[in-house]
C-alpha atoms as a PDB file:
ATOM      1  CA  MET A   1       0.229   0.021  -0.217  1.00  0.00           C
ATOM      2  CA  PRO A   2       1.536   3.725  -0.779  1.00  0.00           C
ATOM      3  CA  THR A   3       2.802   4.978   2.197  1.00  0.00           C
ATOM      4  CA  SER A   4       0.269   8.156   1.609  1.00  0.00           C
ATOM      5  CA  GLU A   5      -2.636   6.054   1.731  1.00  0.00           C
ATOM      6  CA  GLN A   6      -1.105   4.131   4.806  1.00  0.00           C
ATOM      7  CA  ALA A   7      -0.736   7.570   6.589  1.00  0.00           C
ATOM      8  CA  ALA A   8      -4.004   8.527   5.854  1.00  0.00           C
ATOM      9  CA  LEU A   9      -5.785   5.566   7.183  1.00  0.00           C
ATOM     10  CA  GLU A  10      -4.196   6.205  10.623  1.00  0.00           C
ATOM     11  CA  GLN A  11      -4.977   9.464  10.811  1.00  0.00           C
ATOM     12  CA  ARG A  12      -8.700   8.341  10.240  1.00  0.00           C
ATOM     13  CA  ASN A  13      -8.217   5.287  12.302  1.00  0.00           C
ATOM     14  CA  VAL A  14      -9.371   3.342   9.628  1.00  0.00           C
ATOM     15  CA  ARG A  15      -8.245  -0.848   9.229  1.00  0.00           C
ATOM     16  CA  SER A  16      -7.638  -2.190   6.662  1.00  0.00           C
ATOM     17  CA  PHE A  17      -4.904  -4.029   4.515  1.00  0.00           C
ATOM     18  CA  VAL A  18      -1.230  -3.399   4.391  1.00  0.00           C
ATOM     19  CA  ASP A  19       1.013  -4.216   1.718  1.00  0.00           C
ATOM     20  CA  LEU A  20       4.414  -5.270   3.693  1.00  0.00           C
ATOM     21  CA  ARG A  21       6.409  -5.938   1.171  1.00  0.00           C
ATOM     22  CA  LYS A  22       5.844  -1.760   0.150  1.00  0.00           C
ATOM     23  CA  PHE A  23       6.587  -1.108   3.887  1.00  0.00           C
ATOM     24  CA  ALA A  24       9.727  -2.959   4.173  1.00  0.00           C
ATOM     25  CA  SER A  25      10.781  -1.130   1.131  1.00  0.00           C
ATOM     26  CA  ASP A  26       9.858   2.366   2.088  1.00  0.00           C
ATOM     27  CA  GLU A  27      13.253   4.044   3.093  1.00  0.00           C
ATOM     28  CA  SER A  28      11.250   7.198   3.746  1.00  0.00           C
ATOM     29  CA  ARG A  29       9.405   5.451   7.082  1.00  0.00           C
ATOM     30  CA  ARG A  30      12.750   3.827   7.853  1.00  0.00           C
ATOM     31  CA  ASN A  31      13.264   4.188  12.051  1.00  0.00           C
ATOM     32  CA  GLU A  32      16.555   4.732  13.261  1.00  0.00           C
ATOM     33  CA  PRO A  33      17.509   1.304  14.709  1.00  0.00           C
ATOM     34  CA  ASN A  34      18.277   0.948  18.356  1.00  0.00           C
ATOM     35  CA  HIS A  35      22.306   0.104  18.463  1.00  0.00           C
ATOM     36  CA  SER A  36      22.339   0.053  22.184  1.00  0.00           C
ATOM     37  CA  GLY A  37      25.218  -2.521  22.963  1.00  0.00           C
ATOM     38  CA  ASP A  38      23.302  -4.967  25.681  1.00  0.00           C
ATOM     39  CA  VAL A  39      20.610  -5.440  22.252  1.00  0.00           C
ATOM     40  CA  ASP A  40      21.026  -7.634  20.195  1.00  0.00           C
ATOM     41  CA  GLY A  41      20.453  -6.580  16.016  1.00  0.00           C
ATOM     42  CA  PHE A  42      17.567  -9.156  15.614  1.00  0.00           C
ATOM     43  CA  LEU A  43      15.748  -7.168  17.929  1.00  0.00           C
ATOM     44  CA  SER A  44      16.748  -3.527  17.438  1.00  0.00           C
ATOM     45  CA  SER A  45      17.097  -3.215  14.174  1.00  0.00           C
ATOM     46  CA  ARG A  46      13.407  -3.240  13.722  1.00  0.00           C
ATOM     47  CA  ARG A  47      10.474  -0.473  12.223  1.00  0.00           C
ATOM     48  CA  PHE A  48       7.067  -1.423  13.436  1.00  0.00           C
ATOM     49  CA  LEU A  49       3.183  -0.438  11.841  1.00  0.00           C
ATOM     50  CA  ASP A  50       1.925   2.513  13.782  1.00  0.00           C
ATOM     51  CA  TRP A  51      -0.521   0.145  15.706  1.00  0.00           C
ATOM     52  CA  PRO A  52      -1.921   0.983  19.532  1.00  0.00           C
ATOM     53  CA  ALA A  53       0.082  -0.363  22.385  1.00  0.00           C
ATOM     54  CA  GLY A  54      -1.432  -3.755  22.457  1.00  0.00           C
ATOM     55  CA  PRO A  55      -0.218  -7.737  22.354  1.00  0.00           C
ATOM     56  CA  LEU A  56       0.239  -7.718  18.795  1.00  0.00           C
ATOM     57  CA  SER A  57       3.045  -5.587  16.651  1.00  0.00           C
ATOM     58  CA  ALA A  58       4.024  -6.147  12.917  1.00  0.00           C
ATOM     59  CA  GLY A  59       6.486  -4.812  10.987  1.00  0.00           C
ATOM     60  CA  VAL A  60      10.051  -5.168   9.089  1.00  0.00           C
ATOM     61  CA  LEU A  61      13.411  -6.900  10.268  1.00  0.00           C
ATOM     62  CA  THR A  62      16.718  -5.033   8.381  1.00  0.00           C
ATOM     63  CA  LEU A  63      19.778  -6.745   9.094  1.00  0.00           C
ATOM     64  CA  ASP A  64      23.077  -6.293   7.613  1.00  0.00           C
ATOM     65  CA  ALA A  65      25.825  -9.074   7.483  1.00  0.00           C
ATOM     66  CA  GLY A  66      26.768 -10.372  10.639  1.00  0.00           C
ATOM     67  CA  SER A  67      25.613 -12.628  13.530  1.00  0.00           C
ATOM     68  CA  GLY A  68      24.233 -12.402  17.035  1.00  0.00           C
ATOM     69  CA  PHE A  69      22.541 -13.966  19.964  1.00  0.00           C
ATOM     70  CA  VAL A  70      18.893 -13.628  21.107  1.00  0.00           C
ATOM     71  CA  PRO A  71      18.154 -14.665  24.569  1.00  0.00           C
ATOM     72  CA  PRO A  72      14.498 -15.805  25.626  1.00  0.00           C
ATOM     73  CA  GLN A  73      11.702 -13.282  24.348  1.00  0.00           C
ATOM     74  CA  PRO A  74       8.065 -13.719  25.875  1.00  0.00           C
ATOM     75  CA  VAL A  75       6.917 -13.521  22.245  1.00  0.00           C
ATOM     76  CA  ASP A  76       5.207 -15.785  19.625  1.00  0.00           C
ATOM     77  CA  GLU A  77       6.701 -14.442  16.595  1.00  0.00           C
ATOM     78  CA  PHE A  78       6.168 -15.435  12.824  1.00  0.00           C
ATOM     79  CA  LEU A  79       8.891 -14.367  10.268  1.00  0.00           C
ATOM     80  CA  ILE A  80       9.207 -14.394   6.865  1.00  0.00           C
ATOM     81  CA  VAL A  81      12.002 -13.595   4.527  1.00  0.00           C
ATOM     82  CA  ALA A  82      11.140 -10.687   2.136  1.00  0.00           C
ATOM     83  CA  GLU A  83      15.095 -10.708   0.846  1.00  0.00           C
ATOM     84  CA  GLY A  84      18.365 -11.654   1.350  1.00  0.00           C
ATOM     85  CA  GLU A  85      19.330 -15.273   3.706  1.00  0.00           C
ATOM     86  CA  ILE A  86      19.492 -15.912   7.708  1.00  0.00           C
ATOM     87  CA  ALA A  87      20.714 -18.703   9.373  1.00  0.00           C
ATOM     88  CA  LEU A  88      18.739 -19.644  12.803  1.00  0.00           C
ATOM     89  CA  LYS A  89      20.187 -22.075  15.389  1.00  0.00           C
ATOM     90  CA  GLN A  90      18.674 -23.124  18.684  1.00  0.00           C
ATOM     91  CA  GLU A  91      20.746 -25.196  20.913  1.00  0.00           C
ATOM     92  CA  GLY A  92      20.312 -29.156  20.582  1.00  0.00           C
ATOM     93  CA  ALA A  93      18.421 -28.742  17.190  1.00  0.00           C
ATOM     94  CA  ARG A  94      19.665 -28.386  13.732  1.00  0.00           C
ATOM     95  CA  GLU A  95      20.598 -25.110  11.688  1.00  0.00           C
ATOM     96  CA  LEU A  96      17.801 -23.162   9.997  1.00  0.00           C
ATOM     97  CA  THR A  97      18.727 -21.557   6.701  1.00  0.00           C
ATOM     98  CA  MET A  98      15.897 -19.405   5.745  1.00  0.00           C
ATOM     99  CA  ARG A  99      15.775 -17.999   1.713  1.00  0.00           C
ATOM    100  CA  PRO A 100      13.255 -15.510   0.218  1.00  0.00           C
ATOM    101  CA  GLY A 101      10.051 -16.703   0.743  1.00  0.00           C
ATOM    102  CA  ASP A 102      11.105 -19.324   3.835  1.00  0.00           C
ATOM    103  CA  SER A 103       8.939 -18.581   7.154  1.00  0.00           C
ATOM    104  CA  ALA A 104       9.228 -19.795  10.391  1.00  0.00           C
ATOM    105  CA  VAL A 105       7.917 -19.141  14.002  1.00  0.00           C
ATOM    106  CA  LEU A 106       9.888 -18.588  17.008  1.00  0.00           C
ATOM    107  CA  GLY A 107       7.953 -19.987  20.356  1.00  0.00           C
ATOM    108  CA  CYS A 108       7.797 -18.157  23.403  1.00  0.00           C
ATOM    109  CA  GLY A 109      10.699 -18.138  25.327  1.00  0.00           C
ATOM    110  CA  VAL A 110      13.285 -19.743  23.169  1.00  0.00           C
ATOM    111  CA  ALA A 111      17.137 -18.856  22.525  1.00  0.00           C
ATOM    112  CA  PHE A 112      19.014 -18.757  19.181  1.00  0.00           C
ATOM    113  CA  SER A 113      21.866 -17.442  17.871  1.00  0.00           C
ATOM    114  CA  TRP A 114      21.950 -15.800  14.111  1.00  0.00           C
ATOM    115  CA  SER A 115      24.014 -15.533  11.016  1.00  0.00           C
ATOM    116  CA  ALA A 116      23.632 -13.371   7.762  1.00  0.00           C
ATOM    117  CA  LYS A 117      26.263 -13.219   5.382  1.00  0.00           C
ATOM    118  CA  GLY A 118      24.754 -10.088   3.330  1.00  0.00           C
ATOM    119  CA  PRO A 119      22.070  -7.390   4.151  1.00  0.00           C
ATOM    120  CA  VAL A 120      18.455  -9.067   4.734  1.00  0.00           C
ATOM    121  CA  SER A 121      15.239  -7.876   5.148  1.00  0.00           C
ATOM    122  CA  ILE A 122      12.190 -10.238   7.463  1.00  0.00           C
ATOM    123  CA  VAL A 123       8.643  -9.335   8.219  1.00  0.00           C
ATOM    124  CA  PHE A 124       7.430 -10.452  11.004  1.00  0.00           C
ATOM    125  CA  MET A 125       4.177 -10.628  13.438  1.00  0.00           C
ATOM    126  CA  ARG A 126       5.143 -10.860  17.178  1.00  0.00           C
ATOM    127  CA  TYR A 127       2.579 -11.706  19.672  1.00  0.00           C
ATOM    128  CA  GLN A 128       3.512 -11.099  23.274  1.00  0.00           C
ATOM    129  CA  ARG A 129       2.547 -13.135  25.827  1.00  0.00           C
ATOM    130  CA  GLY A 130       4.116 -12.869  29.044  1.00  0.00           C
ATOM    131  CA  ARG A 131       5.786 -15.702  30.798  1.00  0.00           C
ATOM    132  CA  CYS A 132       5.818 -19.600  28.911  1.00  0.00           C
ATOM    133  CA  ALA A 133       7.522 -21.888  28.749  1.00  0.00           C
ATOM    134  CA  THR A 134      10.689 -22.726  26.545  1.00  0.00           C
ATOM    135  CA  GLY A 135      10.038 -22.514  22.848  1.00  0.00           C
ATOM    136  CA  ARG A 136      11.425 -23.990  19.732  1.00  0.00           C
ATOM    137  CA  ILE A 137      11.852 -22.444  16.224  1.00  0.00           C
ATOM    138  CA  VAL A 138       9.327 -24.455  13.845  1.00  0.00           C
ATOM    139  CA  PRO A 139       9.955 -23.948  10.245  1.00  0.00           C
ATOM    140  CA  ILE A 140       6.353 -23.888   7.939  1.00  0.00           C
ATOM    141  CA  GLU A 141       6.122 -26.277   6.377  1.00  0.00           C
ATOM    142  CA  PRO A 142       6.904 -25.647   2.598  1.00  0.00           C
ATOM    143  CA  ALA A 143       4.779 -28.749   1.027  1.00  0.00           C
ATOM    144  CA  PRO A 144       2.381 -29.669   3.644  1.00  0.00           C
ATOM    145  CA  ASN A 145      -0.457 -32.329   3.648  1.00  0.00           C
ATOM    146  CA  LEU A 146      -3.507 -30.071   3.949  1.00  0.00           C
ATOM    147  CA  GLU A 147      -6.777 -31.609   4.654  1.00  0.00           C
ATOM    148  CA  PRO A 148     -10.463 -30.033   4.365  1.00  0.00           C
ATOM    149  CA  SER A 149     -11.196 -27.250   6.522  1.00  0.00           C
ATOM    150  CA  GLY A 150     -14.358 -24.673   7.135  1.00  0.00           C
ATOM    151  CA  THR A 151     -15.844 -22.806   4.089  1.00  0.00           C
ATOM    152  CA  PRO A 152     -16.465 -18.546   4.563  1.00  0.00           C
ATOM    153  CA  PRO A 153     -19.823 -17.648   6.033  1.00  0.00           C
ATOM    154  CA  ALA A 154     -22.767 -19.140   3.773  1.00  0.00           C
ATOM    155  CA  GLU A 155     -24.697 -15.519   4.432  1.00  0.00           C
ATOM    156  CA  LEU A 156     -21.154 -13.538   2.876  1.00  0.00           C
ATOM    157  CA  LEU A 157     -21.240 -15.883   0.012  1.00  0.00           C
ATOM    158  CA  LEU A 158     -21.619 -14.541  -3.365  1.00  0.00           C
ATOM    159  CA  SER A 159     -20.431 -17.561  -5.463  1.00  0.00           C
ATOM    160  CA  PRO A 160     -20.844 -21.411  -5.009  1.00  0.00           C
ATOM    161  CA  VAL A 161     -19.224 -22.721  -1.418  1.00  0.00           C
ATOM    162  CA  PRO A 162     -15.438 -23.308  -2.255  1.00  0.00           C
ATOM    163  CA  ALA A 163     -13.277 -26.362  -1.120  1.00  0.00           C
ATOM    164  CA  CYS A 164     -10.974 -25.328   1.514  1.00  0.00           C
ATOM    165  CA  ARG A 165      -7.801 -26.796   2.873  1.00  0.00           C
ATOM    166  CA  ASN A 166      -5.667 -25.919   6.133  1.00  0.00           C
ATOM    167  CA  PHE A 167      -2.387 -26.965   8.109  1.00  0.00           C
ATOM    168  CA  THR A 168      -1.661 -25.714  11.049  1.00  0.00           C
ATOM    169  CA  ASP A 169       2.298 -25.597  11.973  1.00  0.00           C
ATOM    170  CA  TYR A 170       1.977 -23.600  15.383  1.00  0.00           C
ATOM    171  CA  ARG A 171      -0.484 -22.990  17.559  1.00  0.00           C
ATOM    172  CA  SER A 172       0.173 -20.962  20.934  1.00  0.00           C
ATOM    173  CA  ASP A 173      -0.644 -22.711  24.209  1.00  0.00           C
ATOM    174  CA  ASP A 174      -3.772 -20.101  24.560  1.00  0.00           C
ATOM    175  CA  GLY A 175      -4.943 -20.655  20.526  1.00  0.00           C
ATOM    176  CA  ALA A 176      -5.145 -17.009  19.856  1.00  0.00           C
ATOM    177  CA  PHE A 177      -1.706 -17.103  17.881  1.00  0.00           C
ATOM    178  CA  VAL A 178      -1.703 -19.344  14.850  1.00  0.00           C
ATOM    179  CA  CYS A 179       0.414 -20.139  11.667  1.00  0.00           C
ATOM    180  CA  GLY A 180       0.015 -22.292   8.832  1.00  0.00           C
ATOM    181  CA  THR A 181      -0.435 -22.801   4.907  1.00  0.00           C
ATOM    182  CA  TRP A 182      -4.347 -22.616   3.896  1.00  0.00           C
ATOM    183  CA  ASP A 183      -5.598 -22.886  -0.049  1.00  0.00           C
ATOM    184  CA  SER A 184      -9.065 -22.670  -1.596  1.00  0.00           C
ATOM    185  CA  THR A 185     -10.841 -22.844  -4.660  1.00  0.00           C
ATOM    186  CA  ALA A 186     -12.269 -19.607  -6.235  1.00  0.00           C
ATOM    187  CA  TYR A 187     -14.859 -17.718  -4.627  1.00  0.00           C
ATOM    188  CA  GLN A 188     -16.259 -14.481  -3.576  1.00  0.00           C
ATOM    189  CA  ARG A 189     -17.568 -12.818  -0.728  1.00  0.00           C
ATOM    190  CA  SER A 190     -18.878  -9.700   0.655  1.00  0.00           C
ATOM    191  CA  ALA A 191     -17.110  -7.604   3.342  1.00  0.00           C
ATOM    192  CA  LEU A 192     -16.282  -9.838   6.421  1.00  0.00           C
ATOM    193  CA  PHE A 193     -15.418  -7.944   9.933  1.00  0.00           C
ATOM    194  CA  TYR A 194     -11.700  -9.156  10.731  1.00  0.00           C
ATOM    195  CA  GLY A 195     -12.255  -9.990  14.415  1.00  0.00           C
ATOM    196  CA  HIS A 196      -8.358 -10.790  14.560  1.00  0.00           C
ATOM    197  CA  CYS A 197      -5.519 -10.067  12.316  1.00  0.00           C
ATOM    198  CA  GLU A 198      -4.088 -12.039   9.418  1.00  0.00           C
ATOM    199  CA  LEU A 199      -0.697 -11.704   7.733  1.00  0.00           C
ATOM    200  CA  MET A 200      -0.747 -13.741   4.566  1.00  0.00           C
ATOM    201  CA  TYR A 201       2.155 -14.566   2.219  1.00  0.00           C
ATOM    202  CA  LEU A 202       0.229 -15.985  -1.457  1.00  0.00           C
ATOM    203  CA  LEU A 203       1.811 -19.239  -2.804  1.00  0.00           C
ATOM    204  CA  GLU A 204      -0.212 -18.908  -5.864  1.00  0.00           C
ATOM    205  CA  GLY A 205      -3.126 -17.387  -7.555  1.00  0.00           C
ATOM    206  CA  ARG A 206      -4.229 -13.843  -6.986  1.00  0.00           C
ATOM    207  CA  VAL A 207      -6.958 -11.985  -4.489  1.00  0.00           C
ATOM    208  CA  THR A 208      -8.654  -8.441  -4.756  1.00  0.00           C
ATOM    209  CA  PHE A 209      -9.584  -6.867  -1.528  1.00  0.00           C
ATOM    210  CA  VAL A 210     -11.991  -3.630  -0.841  1.00  0.00           C
ATOM    211  CA  ASP A 211     -12.379  -2.354   2.658  1.00  0.00           C
ATOM    212  CA  GLU A 212     -15.152  -0.128   3.670  1.00  0.00           C
ATOM    213  CA  SER A 213     -13.976   3.001   2.548  1.00  0.00           C
ATOM    214  CA  GLY A 214     -13.865   1.355  -0.771  1.00  0.00           C
ATOM    215  CA  ARG A 215     -10.089   1.197  -1.293  1.00  0.00           C
ATOM    216  CA  THR A 216      -9.160  -1.695  -3.715  1.00  0.00           C
ATOM    217  CA  ALA A 217      -6.036  -3.766  -3.755  1.00  0.00           C
ATOM    218  CA  THR A 218      -4.778  -7.054  -5.611  1.00  0.00           C
ATOM    219  CA  PHE A 219      -2.619  -9.331  -4.173  1.00  0.00           C
ATOM    220  CA  GLU A 220      -0.651 -12.391  -6.002  1.00  0.00           C
ATOM    221  CA  ARG A 221       1.631 -14.647  -5.703  1.00  0.00           C
ATOM    222  CA  GLY A 222       4.653 -13.652  -3.856  1.00  0.00           C
ATOM    223  CA  ASP A 223       3.391 -10.502  -2.191  1.00  0.00           C
ATOM    224  CA  ILE A 224       3.120 -10.313   1.694  1.00  0.00           C
ATOM    225  CA  PHE A 225       0.395  -8.052   3.426  1.00  0.00           C
ATOM    226  CA  LEU A 226      -2.136  -8.509   6.165  1.00  0.00           C
ATOM    227  CA  ILE A 227      -5.518  -7.815   7.356  1.00  0.00           C
ATOM    228  CA  GLU A 228      -5.907  -5.629  10.139  1.00  0.00           C
ATOM    229  CA  GLN A 229      -8.048  -6.692  13.241  1.00  0.00           C
ATOM    230  CA  GLY A 230     -10.960  -4.603  13.050  1.00  0.00           C
ATOM    231  CA  ALA A 231     -11.230  -4.157   9.120  1.00  0.00           C
ATOM    232  CA  ARG A 232     -13.965  -4.839   6.877  1.00  0.00           C
ATOM    233  CA  CYS A 233     -12.776  -6.052   3.413  1.00  0.00           C
ATOM    234  CA  SER A 234     -14.478  -7.957   0.939  1.00  0.00           C
ATOM    235  CA  TRP A 235     -12.476 -10.987  -1.186  1.00  0.00           C
ATOM    236  CA  ASP A 236     -12.662 -12.057  -4.745  1.00  0.00           C
ATOM    237  CA  SER A 237     -10.464 -14.428  -5.720  1.00  0.00           C
ATOM    238  CA  ARG A 238     -11.243 -16.081  -9.667  1.00  0.00           C
ATOM    239  CA  GLU A 239      -8.404 -19.095  -9.338  1.00  0.00           C
ATOM    240  CA  HIS A 240      -7.253 -21.577  -7.292  1.00  0.00           C
ATOM    241  CA  VAL A 241      -5.269 -19.494  -3.826  1.00  0.00           C
ATOM    242  CA  ALA A 242      -2.758 -21.139  -1.535  1.00  0.00           C
ATOM    243  CA  LYS A 243      -1.177 -18.610   1.182  1.00  0.00           C
ATOM    244  CA  VAL A 244       0.902 -19.272   4.279  1.00  0.00           C
ATOM    245  CA  TYR A 245      -0.904 -17.257   7.029  1.00  0.00           C
ATOM    246  CA  ALA A 246      -0.300 -15.902  10.711  1.00  0.00           C
ATOM    247  CA  ILE A 247      -3.151 -15.808  12.632  1.00  0.00           C
ATOM    248  CA  PHE A 248      -3.884 -13.867  16.014  1.00  0.00           C
ATOM    249  CA  ARG A 249      -7.560 -13.878  17.047  1.00  0.00           C
ATOM    250  CA  PRO A 250      -8.029 -12.736  20.726  1.00  0.00           C
ATOM    251  CA  ALA A 251      -9.898 -14.733  22.508  1.00  0.00           C
END
């Protein structure tokens, strides 16, 4: 989404969709990272979406070549690499190398080291949880065994009921943060109220959204975007769609 549109939405407090690739590449909105000596760059080199304070945040993490160590954090965090390559290593586990389009979840309480041979840009969504047990790094399966799942509300459908499938890679203990892969045959529906926030990375197809203010955007394979909690958006896909997702759905 163009940053001028995003700024206008923020001023009007309208919840909508956000193009996270554009947000990540927009140098004009880049914050100066916190280079405090006691904070690892993985935590300090971030730029956040301008949301009210709360349990959920999202934005972009940018790192130059280097390495570091991240102590346990009280968050569940979904990561997807937009550009570059990064390796993550949890003690006692195999190193995970992530390249553009690869995604993973840092489970609440996990400690890990990281290394990057060159610049890397990572889109993130993090769910603040407070105390939690030691977590682990959970990669999102690139070719999961999808199983039939629920369909859009019948009263919103403007087309035949689609066939939807899902695979869940990660679910927080309280069930509020869920990450995985989903696909569906083509369908159209009228505006849905998003009581949740959903980040999406399209693996296949394209989908057009229209929000309550009339803004329209079409996302296609390779795009990274999210629908903000509190938005009202329609959905129009004329072909098979597959996506990796991270959802925060408060109880």
